[in-house]
């Protein structure tokens, strides 16, 4: 099956035409309009150099807020109030730090300068949000993603201090979970699996995406 090449027209092919690894299309741009259409269609960008690659994997890794798991050790960390958690206080710093964290099996970063600029625009327009975890004055961890209606599409997280990203994520779910149907984690990580994320089929994922 051929991967679709996008042009300036604001359209994506049906996600059911994705390759077995989830790759659906190449090209296009990172305009706010295209990114919003992508997320609402079950698609996200992920690439480390041009052209832009667009993905819709099957199955999809998600967290339903009611399934959040908080370990006894994390409950203790949160009770101790070692960290201060904030929302949208330092979006550019969070996405920049996410881009700098070494990842197992990756020599570079997919959060390129172009991606950072695109998501900072999304943030300014009210669609992207960040969660910050502070250890005193230090930005110790955090995460960012795109929130559209009752859905949060998680993009990346980082931790410079042990448990900082978990504290940020748990606090985010506990604060906003009642507003959310689902948190899209995109692909499997042991970190998110330990917090309650699990696989659902792409068909189930698309059925849940309702922006009416």
C-alpha atoms as a PDB file:
ATOM      1  CA  UNK A   1       0.000   0.000   0.000  1.00  0.00           C
ATOM      2  CA  UNK A   2       1.395   3.434  -0.946  1.00  0.00           C
ATOM      3  CA  UNK A   3       1.857   6.169   1.639  1.00  0.00           C
ATOM      4  CA  UNK A   4      -0.134   9.253   0.678  1.00  0.00           C
ATOM      5  CA  UNK A   5       1.678  12.492  -0.182  1.00  0.00           C
ATOM      6  CA  UNK A   6      -0.062  15.614   1.072  1.00  0.00           C
ATOM      7  CA  UNK A   7      -0.137  18.960  -0.700  1.00  0.00           C
ATOM      8  CA  UNK A   8      -1.516  22.365   0.269  1.00  0.00           C
ATOM      9  CA  UNK A   9      -5.092  21.065   0.306  1.00  0.00           C
ATOM     10  CA  UNK A  10      -6.331  20.657   3.874  1.00  0.00           C
ATOM     11  CA  UNK A  11      -7.264  16.974   3.777  1.00  0.00           C
ATOM     12  CA  UNK A  12      -6.067  13.589   5.052  1.00  0.00           C
ATOM     13  CA  UNK A  13      -6.784  10.149   3.604  1.00  0.00           C
ATOM     14  CA  UNK A  14      -8.898   7.730   5.674  1.00  0.00           C
ATOM     15  CA  UNK A  15      -6.836   6.361   8.567  1.00  0.00           C
ATOM     16  CA  UNK A  16      -7.820   2.818   7.621  1.00  0.00           C
ATOM     17  CA  UNK A  17      -5.367   3.182   4.712  1.00  0.00           C
ATOM     18  CA  UNK A  18      -2.378   3.461   7.083  1.00  0.00           C
ATOM     19  CA  UNK A  19       0.566   1.114   6.749  1.00  0.00           C
ATOM     20  CA  UNK A  20       0.865  -1.711   9.279  1.00  0.00           C
ATOM     21  CA  UNK A  21       3.160   0.469  11.428  1.00  0.00           C
ATOM     22  CA  UNK A  22       0.617   3.296  11.416  1.00  0.00           C
ATOM     23  CA  UNK A  23       2.255   5.554   8.819  1.00  0.00           C
ATOM     24  CA  UNK A  24      -0.488   7.244   6.803  1.00  0.00           C
ATOM     25  CA  UNK A  25       0.902  10.213   4.885  1.00  0.00           C
ATOM     26  CA  UNK A  26       3.933  12.427   4.267  1.00  0.00           C
ATOM     27  CA  UNK A  27       4.283  16.127   3.559  1.00  0.00           C
ATOM     28  CA  UNK A  28       1.850  18.934   4.203  1.00  0.00           C
ATOM     29  CA  UNK A  29       2.587  21.480   6.900  1.00  0.00           C
ATOM     30  CA  UNK A  30       2.245  22.133  10.625  1.00  0.00           C
ATOM     31  CA  UNK A  31      -0.349  24.882  10.394  1.00  0.00           C
ATOM     32  CA  UNK A  32      -2.810  25.158  13.248  1.00  0.00           C
ATOM     33  CA  UNK A  33      -5.651  24.186  10.917  1.00  0.00           C
ATOM     34  CA  UNK A  34      -3.927  21.028   9.714  1.00  0.00           C
ATOM     35  CA  UNK A  35      -2.843  19.969  13.188  1.00  0.00           C
ATOM     36  CA  UNK A  36      -6.369  20.375  14.571  1.00  0.00           C
ATOM     37  CA  UNK A  37      -7.807  18.395  11.661  1.00  0.00           C
ATOM     38  CA  UNK A  38      -5.211  15.686  12.230  1.00  0.00           C
ATOM     39  CA  UNK A  39      -5.981  15.253  15.923  1.00  0.00           C
ATOM     40  CA  UNK A  40      -9.725  15.253  15.328  1.00  0.00           C
ATOM     41  CA  UNK A  41      -9.182  12.546  12.700  1.00  0.00           C
ATOM     42  CA  UNK A  42      -7.042  10.298  14.928  1.00  0.00           C
ATOM     43  CA  UNK A  43      -3.761  11.346  13.295  1.00  0.00           C
ATOM     44  CA  UNK A  44      -0.589  12.935  14.687  1.00  0.00           C
ATOM     45  CA  UNK A  45       2.788  14.098  13.288  1.00  0.00           C
ATOM     46  CA  UNK A  46       6.009  12.349  14.281  1.00  0.00           C
ATOM     47  CA  UNK A  47       9.293  12.765  12.406  1.00  0.00           C
ATOM     48  CA  UNK A  48      12.877  13.836  13.009  1.00  0.00           C
ATOM     49  CA  UNK A  49      13.653  15.467   9.664  1.00  0.00           C
ATOM     50  CA  UNK A  50      11.599  16.554   6.625  1.00  0.00           C
ATOM     51  CA  UNK A  51       9.262  15.498   5.192  1.00  0.00           C
ATOM     52  CA  UNK A  52       6.589  15.560   7.908  1.00  0.00           C
ATOM     53  CA  UNK A  53       5.249  12.075   8.667  1.00  0.00           C
ATOM     54  CA  UNK A  54       1.640  11.546   9.788  1.00  0.00           C
ATOM     55  CA  UNK A  55       0.615   8.492  11.827  1.00  0.00           C
ATOM     56  CA  UNK A  56      -2.520   6.669  12.967  1.00  0.00           C
ATOM     57  CA  UNK A  57      -1.401   3.468  14.724  1.00  0.00           C
ATOM     58  CA  UNK A  58      -3.580   0.465  15.436  1.00  0.00           C
ATOM     59  CA  UNK A  59      -3.929  -0.328  18.292  1.00  0.00           C
ATOM     60  CA  UNK A  60      -3.856   3.010  20.107  1.00  0.00           C
ATOM     61  CA  UNK A  61      -2.496   3.507  23.624  1.00  0.00           C
ATOM     62  CA  UNK A  62      -4.869   5.547  25.780  1.00  0.00           C
ATOM     63  CA  UNK A  63      -5.752   6.306  29.378  1.00  0.00           C
ATOM     64  CA  UNK A  64      -9.328   6.638  30.557  1.00  0.00           C
ATOM     65  CA  UNK A  65      -9.206   9.020  33.544  1.00  0.00           C
ATOM     66  CA  UNK A  66     -11.194   6.643  35.743  1.00  0.00           C
ATOM     67  CA  UNK A  67      -8.479   3.996  35.207  1.00  0.00           C
ATOM     68  CA  UNK A  68      -5.650   6.128  36.592  1.00  0.00           C
ATOM     69  CA  UNK A  69      -3.379   4.093  38.867  1.00  0.00           C
ATOM     70  CA  UNK A  70      -1.462   5.850  41.629  1.00  0.00           C
ATOM     71  CA  UNK A  71       1.034   3.678  43.462  1.00  0.00           C
ATOM     72  CA  UNK A  72       1.441   3.850  47.224  1.00  0.00           C
ATOM     73  CA  UNK A  73       4.859   5.446  46.771  1.00  0.00           C
ATOM     74  CA  UNK A  74       3.457   8.131  44.467  1.00  0.00           C
ATOM     75  CA  UNK A  75       0.603   8.818  46.877  1.00  0.00           C
ATOM     76  CA  UNK A  76       3.238   9.478  49.507  1.00  0.00           C
ATOM     77  CA  UNK A  77       5.198  11.783  47.182  1.00  0.00           C
ATOM     78  CA  UNK A  78       2.049  13.783  46.473  1.00  0.00           C
ATOM     79  CA  UNK A  79       1.072  13.947  50.148  1.00  0.00           C
ATOM     80  CA  UNK A  80       4.512  15.303  51.038  1.00  0.00           C
ATOM     81  CA  UNK A  81       3.905  18.180  48.605  1.00  0.00           C
ATOM     82  CA  UNK A  82       7.523  18.217  47.608  1.00  0.00           C
ATOM     83  CA  UNK A  83       6.555  19.494  44.158  1.00  0.00           C
ATOM     84  CA  UNK A  84       4.410  22.382  43.043  1.00  0.00           C
ATOM     85  CA  UNK A  85       2.324  21.571  39.975  1.00  0.00           C
ATOM     86  CA  UNK A  86       1.201  24.339  37.640  1.00  0.00           C
ATOM     87  CA  UNK A  87      -0.607  24.567  34.305  1.00  0.00           C
ATOM     88  CA  UNK A  88       0.483  26.681  31.334  1.00  0.00           C
ATOM     89  CA  UNK A  89       3.064  28.646  33.278  1.00  0.00           C
ATOM     90  CA  UNK A  90       6.045  27.657  31.121  1.00  0.00           C
ATOM     91  CA  UNK A  91       4.893  26.002  27.893  1.00  0.00           C
ATOM     92  CA  UNK A  92       7.963  26.952  25.786  1.00  0.00           C
ATOM     93  CA  UNK A  93      10.314  25.703  28.506  1.00  0.00           C
ATOM     94  CA  UNK A  94       8.455  22.389  28.830  1.00  0.00           C
ATOM     95  CA  UNK A  95       8.458  21.619  25.113  1.00  0.00           C
ATOM     96  CA  UNK A  96      12.097  22.665  24.809  1.00  0.00           C
ATOM     97  CA  UNK A  97      13.113  20.388  27.691  1.00  0.00           C
ATOM     98  CA  UNK A  98      11.085  17.514  26.231  1.00  0.00           C
ATOM     99  CA  UNK A  99      13.095  17.924  23.031  1.00  0.00           C
ATOM    100  CA  UNK A 100      16.402  17.692  24.903  1.00  0.00           C
ATOM    101  CA  UNK A 101      15.776  14.523  26.926  1.00  0.00           C
ATOM    102  CA  UNK A 102      17.714  11.496  25.584  1.00  0.00           C
ATOM    103  CA  UNK A 103      15.377   8.673  24.534  1.00  0.00           C
ATOM    104  CA  UNK A 104      16.298   4.992  24.392  1.00  0.00           C
ATOM    105  CA  UNK A 105      16.816   3.897  20.788  1.00  0.00           C
ATOM    106  CA  UNK A 106      16.721   7.474  19.450  1.00  0.00           C
ATOM    107  CA  UNK A 107      19.803   9.390  18.379  1.00  0.00           C
ATOM    108  CA  UNK A 108      18.000  12.700  17.909  1.00  0.00           C
ATOM    109  CA  UNK A 109      14.645  14.275  18.673  1.00  0.00           C
ATOM    110  CA  UNK A 110      11.341  14.367  16.857  1.00  0.00           C
ATOM    111  CA  UNK A 111      10.495  17.621  18.643  1.00  0.00           C
ATOM    112  CA  UNK A 112      12.293  19.723  16.064  1.00  0.00           C
ATOM    113  CA  UNK A 113      12.454  23.513  16.088  1.00  0.00           C
ATOM    114  CA  UNK A 114       9.623  23.513  13.537  1.00  0.00           C
ATOM    115  CA  UNK A 115       7.504  21.300  15.820  1.00  0.00           C
ATOM    116  CA  UNK A 116       8.225  23.504  18.823  1.00  0.00           C
ATOM    117  CA  UNK A 117       7.166  26.622  16.944  1.00  0.00           C
ATOM    118  CA  UNK A 118       3.976  24.927  15.713  1.00  0.00           C
ATOM    119  CA  UNK A 119       2.901  23.788  19.180  1.00  0.00           C
ATOM    120  CA  UNK A 120       3.776  27.113  20.772  1.00  0.00           C
ATOM    121  CA  UNK A 121       1.371  28.641  18.224  1.00  0.00           C
ATOM    122  CA  UNK A 122      -1.244  26.067  19.236  1.00  0.00           C
ATOM    123  CA  UNK A 123      -0.671  27.044  22.856  1.00  0.00           C
ATOM    124  CA  UNK A 124      -1.095  30.746  22.130  1.00  0.00           C
ATOM    125  CA  UNK A 125      -4.340  29.957  20.321  1.00  0.00           C
ATOM    126  CA  UNK A 126      -5.657  28.013  23.312  1.00  0.00           C
ATOM    127  CA  UNK A 127      -5.346  24.424  22.056  1.00  0.00           C
ATOM    128  CA  UNK A 128      -2.051  23.176  23.486  1.00  0.00           C
ATOM    129  CA  UNK A 129      -1.336  23.111  27.214  1.00  0.00           C
ATOM    130  CA  UNK A 130       1.536  22.284  29.504  1.00  0.00           C
ATOM    131  CA  UNK A 131       1.820  20.873  32.998  1.00  0.00           C
ATOM    132  CA  UNK A 132       4.852  21.935  35.012  1.00  0.00           C
ATOM    133  CA  UNK A 133       6.381  20.255  38.049  1.00  0.00           C
ATOM    134  CA  UNK A 134       8.526  22.582  40.147  1.00  0.00           C
ATOM    135  CA  UNK A 135      11.086  21.599  42.760  1.00  0.00           C
ATOM    136  CA  UNK A 136      11.571  24.963  44.392  1.00  0.00           C
ATOM    137  CA  UNK A 137      12.534  27.307  41.539  1.00  0.00           C
ATOM    138  CA  UNK A 138      13.637  24.385  39.325  1.00  0.00           C
ATOM    139  CA  UNK A 139      11.462  23.097  36.502  1.00  0.00           C
ATOM    140  CA  UNK A 140      11.895  19.462  37.490  1.00  0.00           C
ATOM    141  CA  UNK A 141       9.512  17.806  35.024  1.00  0.00           C
ATOM    142  CA  UNK A 142       6.421  18.273  32.964  1.00  0.00           C
ATOM    143  CA  UNK A 143       4.377  17.364  29.941  1.00  0.00           C
ATOM    144  CA  UNK A 144       2.496  18.982  27.095  1.00  0.00           C
ATOM    145  CA  UNK A 145      -0.251  18.063  24.677  1.00  0.00           C
ATOM    146  CA  UNK A 146      -3.279  19.255  22.764  1.00  0.00           C
ATOM    147  CA  UNK A 147      -6.705  19.613  24.380  1.00  0.00           C
ATOM    148  CA  UNK A 148      -9.719  19.712  22.078  1.00  0.00           C
ATOM    149  CA  UNK A 149     -13.098  19.433  23.733  1.00  0.00           C
ATOM    150  CA  UNK A 150     -13.201  16.362  25.972  1.00  0.00           C
ATOM    151  CA  UNK A 151      -9.986  14.873  24.612  1.00  0.00           C
ATOM    152  CA  UNK A 152      -6.354  15.404  25.560  1.00  0.00           C
ATOM    153  CA  UNK A 153      -3.715  14.275  23.084  1.00  0.00           C
ATOM    154  CA  UNK A 154      -0.498  13.820  25.027  1.00  0.00           C
ATOM    155  CA  UNK A 155       2.686  14.600  23.139  1.00  0.00           C
ATOM    156  CA  UNK A 156       5.694  14.266  25.424  1.00  0.00           C
ATOM    157  CA  UNK A 157       6.905  14.469  29.002  1.00  0.00           C
ATOM    158  CA  UNK A 158      10.227  14.812  30.786  1.00  0.00           C
ATOM    159  CA  UNK A 159      11.679  14.456  34.260  1.00  0.00           C
ATOM    160  CA  UNK A 160      14.942  15.895  35.545  1.00  0.00           C
ATOM    161  CA  UNK A 161      14.058  14.823  39.090  1.00  0.00           C
ATOM    162  CA  UNK A 162      12.748  11.386  40.037  1.00  0.00           C
ATOM    163  CA  UNK A 163       8.915  11.165  40.033  1.00  0.00           C
ATOM    164  CA  UNK A 164       8.503  14.693  38.625  1.00  0.00           C
ATOM    165  CA  UNK A 165       6.777  13.674  35.379  1.00  0.00           C
ATOM    166  CA  UNK A 166       4.549  11.191  37.224  1.00  0.00           C
ATOM    167  CA  UNK A 167       3.548  13.866  39.722  1.00  0.00           C
ATOM    168  CA  UNK A 168       2.709  16.221  36.850  1.00  0.00           C
ATOM    169  CA  UNK A 169       0.691  13.623  34.967  1.00  0.00           C
ATOM    170  CA  UNK A 170      -1.218  12.332  37.994  1.00  0.00           C
ATOM    171  CA  UNK A 171      -2.100  15.850  39.112  1.00  0.00           C
ATOM    172  CA  UNK A 172      -3.235  16.726  35.586  1.00  0.00           C
ATOM    173  CA  UNK A 173      -5.558  13.701  35.435  1.00  0.00           C
ATOM    174  CA  UNK A 174      -6.894  14.314  38.936  1.00  0.00           C
ATOM    175  CA  UNK A 175      -7.551  17.980  38.087  1.00  0.00           C
ATOM    176  CA  UNK A 176      -8.986  17.681  34.580  1.00  0.00           C
ATOM    177  CA  UNK A 177     -10.086  14.052  34.395  1.00  0.00           C
ATOM    178  CA  UNK A 178     -13.744  14.869  35.086  1.00  0.00           C
ATOM    179  CA  UNK A 179     -13.717  16.990  31.903  1.00  0.00           C
ATOM    180  CA  UNK A 180     -12.101  14.339  29.717  1.00  0.00           C
ATOM    181  CA  UNK A 181     -13.393  11.267  27.952  1.00  0.00           C
ATOM    182  CA  UNK A 182      -9.947  10.002  27.071  1.00  0.00           C
ATOM    183  CA  UNK A 183      -6.241  10.824  27.146  1.00  0.00           C
ATOM    184  CA  UNK A 184      -4.431   9.758  23.993  1.00  0.00           C
ATOM    185  CA  UNK A 185      -0.967   8.425  24.816  1.00  0.00           C
ATOM    186  CA  UNK A 186      -0.369   7.432  21.160  1.00  0.00           C
ATOM    187  CA  UNK A 187       2.141   4.600  21.603  1.00  0.00           C
ATOM    188  CA  UNK A 188       3.048   2.269  24.453  1.00  0.00           C
ATOM    189  CA  UNK A 189       5.501   3.214  27.188  1.00  0.00           C
ATOM    190  CA  UNK A 190       6.076   1.307  30.428  1.00  0.00           C
ATOM    191  CA  UNK A 191       5.871   4.634  32.265  1.00  0.00           C
ATOM    192  CA  UNK A 192       2.295   5.294  31.114  1.00  0.00           C
ATOM    193  CA  UNK A 193       1.266   1.646  31.394  1.00  0.00           C
ATOM    194  CA  UNK A 194       2.177   1.795  35.093  1.00  0.00           C
ATOM    195  CA  UNK A 195      -0.243   4.722  35.424  1.00  0.00           C
ATOM    196  CA  UNK A 196      -3.147   2.819  33.908  1.00  0.00           C
ATOM    197  CA  UNK A 197      -2.897   3.343  30.142  1.00  0.00           C
ATOM    198  CA  UNK A 198      -3.866   0.454  27.886  1.00  0.00           C
ATOM    199  CA  UNK A 199      -4.439  -0.439  24.244  1.00  0.00           C
ATOM    200  CA  UNK A 200      -7.706  -0.086  22.375  1.00  0.00           C
ATOM    201  CA  UNK A 201      -8.261  -0.676  18.682  1.00  0.00           C
ATOM    202  CA  UNK A 202      -8.085   2.237  16.297  1.00  0.00           C
ATOM    203  CA  UNK A 203     -11.747   1.628  15.464  1.00  0.00           C
ATOM    204  CA  UNK A 204     -12.692   2.003  19.138  1.00  0.00           C
ATOM    205  CA  UNK A 205     -10.505   5.095  19.364  1.00  0.00           C
ATOM    206  CA  UNK A 206     -12.213   6.724  16.388  1.00  0.00           C
ATOM    207  CA  UNK A 207     -15.647   5.879  17.731  1.00  0.00           C
ATOM    208  CA  UNK A 208     -14.797   7.696  20.958  1.00  0.00           C
ATOM    209  CA  UNK A 209     -13.598  10.808  19.143  1.00  0.00           C
ATOM    210  CA  UNK A 210     -16.759  12.876  19.135  1.00  0.00           C
ATOM    211  CA  UNK A 211     -16.504  16.637  18.705  1.00  0.00           C
ATOM    212  CA  UNK A 212     -20.184  17.339  18.190  1.00  0.00           C
END
